[in-house]
Protein backbone atom coordinates (compact mmCIF):
# COMPACT_ATOMS: atom_id res chain seq x y z
CA UNK A 1 -8.97 -21.56 16.72
CA UNK A 2 -8.29 -19.60 19.90
CA UNK A 3 -4.89 -18.39 21.08
CA UNK A 4 -3.66 -20.76 23.81
CA UNK A 5 -0.37 -19.12 24.76
CA UNK A 6 3.18 -20.38 24.69
CA UNK A 7 4.16 -22.48 27.71
CA UNK A 8 7.63 -21.83 29.10
CA UNK A 9 9.24 -23.85 31.91
CA UNK A 10 10.83 -21.57 34.54
CA UNK A 11 12.15 -23.70 37.45
CA UNK A 12 12.95 -20.70 39.69
CA UNK A 13 9.44 -19.20 39.43
CA UNK A 14 8.10 -18.34 42.90
CA UNK A 15 4.51 -19.40 42.02
CA UNK A 16 3.14 -22.50 40.26
CA UNK A 17 2.15 -20.57 37.14
CA UNK A 18 1.90 -17.07 35.73
CA UNK A 19 0.43 -15.59 32.57
CA UNK A 20 2.49 -12.81 31.01
CA UNK A 21 1.06 -12.31 27.57
CA UNK A 22 1.76 -14.20 25.33
CA UNK A 23 3.51 -16.63 27.69
CA UNK A 24 2.37 -19.05 30.35
CA UNK A 25 5.24 -19.55 32.76
CA UNK A 26 5.20 -22.75 34.81
CA UNK A 27 7.45 -23.90 37.64
CA UNK A 28 7.15 -27.68 37.07
CA UNK A 29 7.79 -29.57 33.85
CA UNK A 30 4.68 -31.72 34.23
CA UNK A 31 1.75 -29.83 32.72
CA UNK A 32 -1.25 -29.51 34.99
CA UNK A 33 -4.44 -29.06 32.87
CA UNK A 34 -6.22 -27.13 35.63
CA UNK A 35 -3.30 -24.73 36.04
CA UNK A 36 -3.02 -24.27 32.27
CA UNK A 37 -6.72 -23.46 32.00
CA UNK A 38 -6.40 -20.98 34.90
CA UNK A 39 -3.53 -19.21 33.14
CA UNK A 40 -5.30 -19.28 29.76
CA UNK A 41 -8.25 -17.50 31.39
CA UNK A 42 -5.76 -14.79 32.40
CA UNK A 43 -4.42 -14.60 28.84
CA UNK A 44 -7.96 -13.98 27.60
CA UNK A 45 -8.47 -11.30 30.23
CA UNK A 46 -5.21 -9.66 29.20
CA UNK A 47 -6.14 -9.71 25.51
CA UNK A 48 -9.58 -8.20 25.99
CA UNK A 49 -8.12 -5.41 28.14
CA UNK A 50 -5.38 -4.76 25.56
CA UNK A 51 -2.66 -6.18 27.85
CA UNK A 52 -1.13 -3.17 29.68
CA UNK A 53 -4.42 -1.94 31.26
CA UNK A 54 -4.89 -5.46 32.63
CA UNK A 55 -1.68 -5.22 34.65
CA UNK A 56 -2.54 -1.73 35.91
CA UNK A 57 -6.04 -2.81 36.97
CA UNK A 58 -4.68 -6.02 38.52
CA UNK A 59 -2.10 -4.14 40.61
CA UNK A 60 -4.52 -1.40 41.70
CA UNK A 61 -7.18 -3.91 42.66
CA UNK A 62 -4.61 -5.94 44.61
CA UNK A 63 -3.37 -2.86 46.49
CA UNK A 64 -6.90 -1.77 47.45
CA UNK A 65 -7.73 -5.31 48.61
CA UNK A 66 -4.45 -5.55 50.53
CA UNK A 67 -5.32 -2.36 52.40
CA UNK A 68 -8.79 -3.72 53.08
CA UNK A 69 -7.86 -7.27 54.16
CA UNK A 70 -4.30 -6.62 55.43
CA UNK A 71 -3.46 -10.11 54.18
CA UNK A 72 -1.63 -10.94 50.93
CA UNK A 73 -3.27 -14.31 50.26
CA UNK A 74 -6.79 -13.05 50.86
CA UNK A 75 -6.21 -9.92 48.77
CA UNK A 76 -4.81 -12.03 45.93
CA UNK A 77 -7.74 -14.47 45.99
CA UNK A 78 -10.28 -11.62 45.90
CA UNK A 79 -8.86 -9.93 42.78
CA UNK A 80 -11.68 -10.14 40.22
CA UNK A 81 -9.40 -11.72 37.61
CA UNK A 82 -8.31 -14.41 40.05
CA UNK A 83 -11.84 -15.07 41.26
CA UNK A 84 -12.96 -15.71 37.68
CA UNK A 85 -9.94 -17.93 36.96
CA UNK A 86 -10.22 -19.97 40.18
CA UNK A 87 -13.97 -20.43 39.81
CA UNK A 88 -13.67 -21.70 36.23
CA UNK A 89 -10.24 -23.35 36.05
CA UNK A 90 -11.69 -26.89 36.05
CA UNK A 91 -14.24 -26.12 33.32
CA UNK A 92 -12.31 -27.17 30.22
CA UNK A 93 -14.85 -25.57 27.83
CA UNK A 94 -15.14 -22.31 29.77
CA UNK A 95 -13.13 -20.21 27.33
CA UNK A 96 -15.25 -21.34 24.37
CA UNK A 97 -18.36 -19.73 25.83
CA UNK A 98 -16.89 -17.07 28.12
CA UNK A 99 -18.61 -13.69 27.81
CA UNK A 100 -16.55 -10.61 27.06
CA UNK A 101 -15.16 -8.97 30.25
CA UNK A 102 -16.61 -11.79 32.36
CA UNK A 103 -14.30 -10.85 35.25
CA UNK A 104 -16.60 -7.90 36.00
CA UNK A 105 -19.05 -10.37 37.53
CA UNK A 106 -16.50 -11.08 40.25
CA UNK A 107 -15.92 -7.57 41.54
CA UNK A 108 -17.32 -7.47 45.01
């Protein structure tokens, strides 16, 4: 059985959901399966990068993309981790067959 994370309701969260290993923080009490799958993809990414390097890579990639696009939303959506999660968030079986370091496919 795979690790699925611990879901924690945080009503003052500024985004719909966030994965901070080992937690999935959500803003609304009603669980959205697509959002949960998106955040579980991030948990897998964090695990395979041994957690702390994930956050460093994520931040550095975001900053480079922010300089390039000069737009927060576009920079965020082009982060390789986010591109993988958004592209596969509706595929409920994605994590069962996901290749190791699959986010590398989404680096432009």
